[in-house]
């Protein structure tokens, strides 16, 4: 009887501790939160992280400090977050390139949620365009497909080998039934330089940095990667509208070190959702990268990321073969 009472008291104590811990977690954040971005300053990932940080402080009362950690295709930044204390004070702000394409390419050997706890998808980049250089002479997607079929491996697609845009090019080529010459040219700014110099014919880049070149005629927008046409991009057609069954949007992801309290994970998702309802935030995304508001709470985010992973893993052998 005494033993039973003892067990009951222990259970009650554990339950009380659990309730107290949960209550403490809901007070988060109690100090500035560090956001690790596995990309350089000025790009689309950095832009989205900094916009989120700007509005986070208005709601949560504590600042988000954005730290850019480049290198290793995002693996250095991811490791830094994975090794951090699971106290809610270190967050990863990344996209599917670092967290899923890296697995497809073999750069990492684990699933996106094996070492991180997913909070939400706070935004989705629907502003990526398939763009051609002036020198290529392509006026539309059909021009490209025709040449690539009649002259295989002569149309040059510039990318970062093993990365997100590399997979975009490989999937497009397979879906369109063409063979492209894939070359490694580097980051988005390097792609722009190569397009302007006529060293490559094609690239996949966020609309914002190249929109002016399209208006001057130095580049031609061939297609947008969205499932349905993003009206903020004007009259650029989707691949699907042009007879190529293909779309590839880019969700951004907020994740914590594995073992972070679920109350903190939920609160971050709730705050992010509240931010997306602010019209000034929506305008900032539109003005910056022609990006409409998108949001997936924790459960929906994990489901969406699993779907994306299943789709991308079909191209695992193809991506690793071309690296």
Protein backbone atom coordinates (compact mmCIF):
# COMPACT_ATOMS: atom_id res chain seq x y z
CA UNK A 1 0.00 0.00 0.00
CA UNK A 2 2.85 2.36 0.90
CA UNK A 3 4.54 1.49 -2.39
CA UNK A 4 1.39 2.37 -4.32
CA UNK A 5 1.09 5.69 -2.51
CA UNK A 6 4.76 6.37 -3.26
CA UNK A 7 4.27 5.77 -6.98
CA UNK A 8 1.20 8.02 -6.94
CA UNK A 9 3.13 10.84 -5.28
CA UNK A 10 5.99 10.49 -7.78
CA UNK A 11 3.56 10.57 -10.70
CA UNK A 12 1.84 13.63 -9.26
CA UNK A 13 5.19 15.38 -8.82
CA UNK A 14 6.21 14.59 -12.40
CA UNK A 15 2.87 15.84 -13.69
CA UNK A 16 3.21 19.07 -11.74
CA UNK A 17 6.75 19.55 -13.07
CA UNK A 18 5.51 18.97 -16.62
CA UNK A 19 2.73 21.54 -16.22
CA UNK A 20 5.16 24.07 -14.75
CA UNK A 21 7.63 23.52 -17.61
CA UNK A 22 4.90 23.99 -20.19
CA UNK A 23 3.83 27.20 -18.49
CA UNK A 24 7.43 28.47 -18.61
CA UNK A 25 7.69 27.55 -22.27
CA UNK A 26 4.68 29.66 -23.16
CA UNK A 27 6.52 32.71 -21.76
CA UNK A 28 9.03 32.30 -24.60
CA UNK A 29 10.86 34.31 -25.76
CA UNK A 30 12.51 35.71 -22.65
CA UNK A 31 15.59 37.02 -24.48
CA UNK A 32 16.71 37.77 -28.06
CA UNK A 33 16.34 34.80 -30.41
CA UNK A 34 19.16 33.97 -32.80
CA UNK A 35 18.07 33.08 -36.32
CA UNK A 36 20.65 31.17 -38.36
CA UNK A 37 20.27 31.69 -42.12
CA UNK A 38 22.30 29.31 -44.31
CA UNK A 39 22.73 31.90 -47.06
CA UNK A 40 24.46 35.19 -47.68
CA UNK A 41 22.99 38.62 -46.99
CA UNK A 42 20.76 40.16 -49.64
CA UNK A 43 19.31 37.00 -51.17
CA UNK A 44 15.74 35.72 -51.03
CA UNK A 45 16.26 33.53 -47.93
CA UNK A 46 17.96 36.35 -46.04
CA UNK A 47 15.22 38.77 -47.12
CA UNK A 48 12.44 36.52 -45.84
CA UNK A 49 14.23 35.84 -42.55
CA UNK A 50 14.80 39.54 -41.92
CA UNK A 51 11.21 40.45 -42.72
CA UNK A 52 10.02 37.79 -40.27
CA UNK A 53 12.46 39.09 -37.65
CA UNK A 54 11.27 42.65 -38.13
CA UNK A 55 7.65 41.79 -37.35
CA UNK A 56 8.47 39.13 -34.74
CA UNK A 57 9.70 41.74 -32.29
CA UNK A 58 6.46 43.74 -32.60
CA UNK A 59 4.45 40.71 -31.48
CA UNK A 60 6.79 38.77 -29.20
CA UNK A 61 8.47 41.73 -27.51
CA UNK A 62 11.98 40.34 -28.07
CA UNK A 63 14.20 40.79 -31.11
CA UNK A 64 15.30 38.18 -33.60
CA UNK A 65 18.98 38.51 -34.43
CA UNK A 66 19.69 37.21 -37.94
CA UNK A 67 23.07 35.58 -38.48
CA UNK A 68 24.18 34.56 -41.97
CA UNK A 69 26.23 31.35 -42.01
CA UNK A 70 27.40 30.44 -45.49
CA UNK A 71 29.25 27.34 -46.63
CA UNK A 72 28.78 23.65 -47.22
CA UNK A 73 25.55 24.10 -49.12
CA UNK A 74 23.82 25.04 -45.87
CA UNK A 75 25.19 22.12 -43.84
CA UNK A 76 27.38 24.32 -41.61
CA UNK A 77 24.41 26.44 -40.55
CA UNK A 78 22.21 23.39 -40.05
CA UNK A 79 24.84 21.73 -37.85
CA UNK A 80 25.12 24.89 -35.78
CA UNK A 81 21.38 24.80 -35.05
CA UNK A 82 21.28 21.04 -34.53
CA UNK A 83 24.03 21.30 -31.90
CA UNK A 84 22.43 24.25 -30.09
CA UNK A 85 20.55 23.89 -26.81
CA UNK A 86 16.86 23.05 -27.43
CA UNK A 87 15.70 26.05 -25.40
CA UNK A 88 14.01 27.98 -28.22
CA UNK A 89 16.75 30.59 -28.46
CA UNK A 90 18.31 29.29 -31.68
CA UNK A 91 16.26 28.92 -34.85
CA UNK A 92 17.04 27.80 -38.39
CA UNK A 93 15.45 29.76 -41.24
CA UNK A 94 16.12 27.79 -44.41
CA UNK A 95 14.37 26.43 -47.49
CA UNK A 96 13.88 23.05 -49.13
CA UNK A 97 17.20 23.35 -50.97
CA UNK A 98 19.20 23.00 -47.77
CA UNK A 99 16.82 20.67 -45.98
CA UNK A 100 15.62 18.34 -48.74
CA UNK A 101 17.66 18.80 -51.93
CA UNK A 102 20.85 18.30 -49.90
CA UNK A 103 19.57 14.85 -48.96
CA UNK A 104 18.60 14.10 -52.56
CA UNK A 105 22.07 15.13 -53.76
CA UNK A 106 23.81 13.08 -51.07
CA UNK A 107 25.31 16.09 -49.29
CA UNK A 108 23.54 14.94 -46.10
CA UNK A 109 22.31 11.45 -45.25
CA UNK A 110 19.31 12.17 -43.04
CA UNK A 111 15.72 13.30 -43.39
CA UNK A 112 14.81 16.95 -42.74
CA UNK A 113 13.11 16.22 -39.39
CA UNK A 114 15.63 13.71 -38.07
CA UNK A 115 17.71 16.33 -36.27
CA UNK A 116 15.37 19.32 -36.25
CA UNK A 117 11.86 20.07 -35.04
CA UNK A 118 9.78 21.79 -37.73
CA UNK A 119 7.70 24.75 -36.54
CA UNK A 120 6.10 26.04 -39.74
CA UNK A 121 6.44 27.16 -43.33
CA UNK A 122 6.16 30.95 -42.91
CA UNK A 123 6.46 31.77 -46.61
CA UNK A 124 6.75 30.21 -50.06
CA UNK A 125 8.84 31.68 -52.85
CA UNK A 126 6.54 31.77 -55.88
CA UNK A 127 8.70 34.23 -57.72
CA UNK A 128 11.34 31.97 -59.29
CA UNK A 129 11.59 32.30 -63.07
CA UNK A 130 13.22 30.34 -65.87
CA UNK A 131 15.17 32.96 -67.77
CA UNK A 132 17.14 33.09 -71.02
CA UNK A 133 20.04 35.31 -72.05
CA UNK A 134 19.67 37.75 -74.93
CA UNK A 135 22.43 35.92 -76.80
CA UNK A 136 20.45 32.64 -76.72
CA UNK A 137 17.81 34.15 -78.99
CA UNK A 138 15.00 32.33 -77.18
CA UNK A 139 11.78 34.34 -77.19
CA UNK A 140 9.62 31.68 -75.52
CA UNK A 141 9.76 28.20 -74.01
CA UNK A 142 8.92 26.51 -77.30
CA UNK A 143 12.02 28.06 -78.95
CA UNK A 144 14.13 26.47 -76.23
CA UNK A 145 12.47 23.05 -76.43
CA UNK A 146 12.78 22.96 -80.22
CA UNK A 147 16.51 23.73 -80.21
CA UNK A 148 17.26 21.44 -77.27
CA UNK A 149 15.55 18.55 -79.05
CA UNK A 150 17.17 19.13 -82.45
CA UNK A 151 20.59 20.00 -81.00
CA UNK A 152 20.96 18.02 -77.74
CA UNK A 153 23.47 19.23 -75.13
CA UNK A 154 24.11 22.55 -76.89
CA UNK A 155 21.80 24.72 -74.75
CA UNK A 156 23.74 25.74 -71.63
CA UNK A 157 21.97 25.82 -68.26
CA UNK A 158 23.88 27.58 -65.48
CA UNK A 159 23.50 26.44 -61.89
CA UNK A 160 25.20 25.45 -58.65
CA UNK A 161 25.86 21.74 -59.02
CA UNK A 162 23.98 19.63 -56.49
CA UNK A 163 21.80 22.53 -55.40
CA UNK A 164 18.19 23.60 -55.71
CA UNK A 165 18.42 25.20 -59.15
CA UNK A 166 20.36 22.18 -60.42
CA UNK A 167 17.43 19.95 -59.54
CA UNK A 168 15.07 22.45 -61.20
CA UNK A 169 16.99 22.16 -64.45
CA UNK A 170 17.16 18.37 -64.34
CA UNK A 171 13.43 17.96 -63.67
CA UNK A 172 12.56 20.43 -66.43
CA UNK A 173 14.78 18.61 -68.92
CA UNK A 174 13.20 15.27 -68.06
CA UNK A 175 9.64 16.60 -68.20
CA UNK A 176 10.26 18.44 -71.48
CA UNK A 177 12.12 15.51 -73.03
CA UNK A 178 15.28 17.51 -73.78
CA UNK A 179 19.00 17.34 -73.00
CA UNK A 180 20.67 20.46 -71.61
CA UNK A 181 24.35 21.12 -71.04
CA UNK A 182 24.51 21.76 -67.28
CA UNK A 183 27.43 23.88 -66.04
CA UNK A 184 28.39 25.11 -62.58
CA UNK A 185 28.51 28.91 -62.49
CA UNK A 186 27.83 29.65 -58.81
CA UNK A 187 25.35 31.82 -56.94
CA UNK A 188 22.44 33.90 -58.24
CA UNK A 189 24.66 36.93 -58.81
CA UNK A 190 27.10 34.76 -60.75
CA UNK A 191 24.25 33.44 -62.90
CA UNK A 192 23.16 36.99 -63.72
CA UNK A 193 26.70 37.93 -64.73
CA UNK A 194 26.98 34.83 -66.92
CA UNK A 195 23.60 35.49 -68.55
CA UNK A 196 24.51 39.08 -69.33
CA UNK A 197 27.86 37.97 -70.72
CA UNK A 198 26.24 35.31 -72.90
CA UNK A 199 28.28 32.53 -71.30
CA UNK A 200 25.13 30.58 -70.42
CA UNK A 201 21.76 30.40 -72.15
CA UNK A 202 19.48 29.61 -69.22
CA UNK A 203 19.16 29.91 -65.45
CA UNK A 204 16.57 29.68 -62.68
CA UNK A 205 16.54 32.82 -60.52
CA UNK A 206 14.16 34.72 -58.24
CA UNK A 207 12.30 37.38 -60.20
CA UNK A 208 13.37 40.37 -58.09
CA UNK A 209 17.04 40.57 -59.08
CA UNK A 210 16.37 40.08 -62.83
CA UNK A 211 13.13 41.97 -63.48
CA UNK A 212 14.94 45.08 -64.74
CA UNK A 213 17.02 43.06 -67.20
CA UNK A 214 13.83 41.57 -68.62
CA UNK A 215 12.32 45.02 -69.13
CA UNK A 216 15.46 46.24 -70.97
CA UNK A 217 15.51 43.17 -73.23
CA UNK A 218 18.80 41.83 -71.86
CA UNK A 219 17.01 38.68 -70.68
CA UNK A 220 13.78 36.86 -71.56
CA UNK A 221 11.42 35.35 -68.99
CA UNK A 222 10.47 31.94 -70.38
CA UNK A 223 8.32 30.56 -67.55
CA UNK A 224 7.50 30.75 -63.85
CA UNK A 225 7.78 27.75 -61.55
CA UNK A 226 4.53 28.27 -59.64
CA UNK A 227 1.74 25.70 -59.72
CA UNK A 228 -0.67 28.44 -60.69
CA UNK A 229 0.33 31.75 -62.22
CA UNK A 230 1.60 34.27 -59.69
CA UNK A 231 -0.14 37.49 -60.79
CA UNK A 232 2.62 39.57 -59.19
CA UNK A 233 4.93 38.42 -62.00
CA UNK A 234 2.75 39.90 -64.71
CA UNK A 235 2.05 37.86 -67.81
CA UNK A 236 4.81 35.25 -67.43
CA UNK A 237 3.24 31.85 -68.10
CA UNK A 238 3.76 28.74 -65.99
CA UNK A 239 5.41 25.64 -67.42
CA UNK A 240 2.06 23.86 -67.18
CA UNK A 241 0.41 26.52 -69.32
CA UNK A 242 3.04 25.92 -71.98
CA UNK A 243 2.66 22.16 -72.22
CA UNK A 244 5.41 21.07 -69.82
CA UNK A 245 3.95 19.35 -66.76
CA UNK A 246 6.18 20.83 -64.10
CA UNK A 247 6.12 23.17 -61.11
CA UNK A 248 8.57 23.66 -58.25
CA UNK A 249 7.80 26.24 -55.60
CA UNK A 250 10.25 26.88 -52.76
CA UNK A 251 8.91 26.82 -49.18
CA UNK A 252 10.90 28.50 -46.44
CA UNK A 253 11.13 26.63 -43.14
CA UNK A 254 11.46 27.61 -39.48
CA UNK A 255 12.97 24.81 -37.39
CA UNK A 256 14.38 24.34 -33.90
CA UNK A 257 16.99 21.95 -32.45
CA UNK A 258 15.56 18.49 -31.84
CA UNK A 259 13.92 18.19 -28.43
CA UNK A 260 12.62 21.76 -28.24
CA UNK A 261 9.47 22.06 -26.13
CA UNK A 262 6.33 21.67 -28.29
CA UNK A 263 4.83 24.75 -26.63
CA UNK A 264 7.68 26.87 -28.01
CA UNK A 265 7.37 25.30 -31.45
CA UNK A 266 3.65 26.04 -31.51
CA UNK A 267 4.09 29.58 -30.23
CA UNK A 268 6.61 30.34 -32.98
CA UNK A 269 4.16 29.02 -35.59
CA UNK A 270 1.34 31.06 -34.07
CA UNK A 271 3.46 34.22 -34.15
CA UNK A 272 4.50 33.58 -37.75
CA UNK A 273 0.87 33.09 -38.72
CA UNK A 274 -0.04 36.37 -37.02
CA UNK A 275 2.75 38.12 -38.93
CA UNK A 276 1.39 36.91 -42.28
CA UNK A 277 -1.89 38.69 -41.52
CA UNK A 278 -0.18 42.08 -41.28
CA UNK A 279 -0.82 43.99 -44.55
CA UNK A 280 2.48 45.87 -44.29
CA UNK A 281 4.34 42.55 -44.13
CA UNK A 282 2.43 41.35 -47.19
CA UNK A 283 3.39 44.51 -49.06
CA UNK A 284 7.04 44.09 -48.09
CA UNK A 285 7.09 40.59 -49.62
CA UNK A 286 5.36 41.81 -52.76
CA UNK A 287 7.70 44.75 -53.20
CA UNK A 288 10.82 42.76 -52.40
CA UNK A 289 10.45 39.51 -54.34
CA UNK A 290 6.95 39.59 -55.89
CA UNK A 291 5.98 37.02 -53.29
CA UNK A 292 2.36 36.47 -52.23
CA UNK A 293 1.49 35.47 -48.66
CA UNK A 294 1.66 31.73 -47.93
CA UNK A 295 1.64 29.91 -44.60
CA UNK A 296 1.56 26.32 -43.28
CA UNK A 297 1.21 25.63 -39.54
CA UNK A 298 3.24 22.81 -37.98
CA UNK A 299 1.17 19.77 -38.97
CA UNK A 300 0.47 21.06 -42.48
CA UNK A 301 4.10 22.13 -42.93
CA UNK A 302 5.44 18.68 -42.09
CA UNK A 303 2.92 17.08 -44.47
CA UNK A 304 3.91 19.47 -47.27
CA UNK A 305 7.63 18.89 -46.71
CA UNK A 306 7.13 15.12 -46.78
CA UNK A 307 5.30 15.49 -50.09
CA UNK A 308 8.07 17.65 -51.53
CA UNK A 309 10.66 15.14 -50.34
CA UNK A 310 8.80 12.23 -51.97
CA UNK A 311 8.65 14.17 -55.25
CA UNK A 312 12.33 15.15 -55.19
CA UNK A 313 13.64 11.73 -54.16
CA UNK A 314 12.47 10.36 -57.50
CA UNK A 315 15.38 12.30 -59.02
CA UNK A 316 18.03 11.17 -56.53
CA UNK A 317 20.04 9.07 -58.98
CA UNK A 318 19.77 11.69 -61.70
CA UNK A 319 20.99 14.53 -59.47
CA UNK A 320 23.88 12.54 -58.00
CA UNK A 321 24.89 11.30 -61.44
CA UNK A 322 25.15 14.86 -62.79
CA UNK A 323 27.12 16.32 -59.90
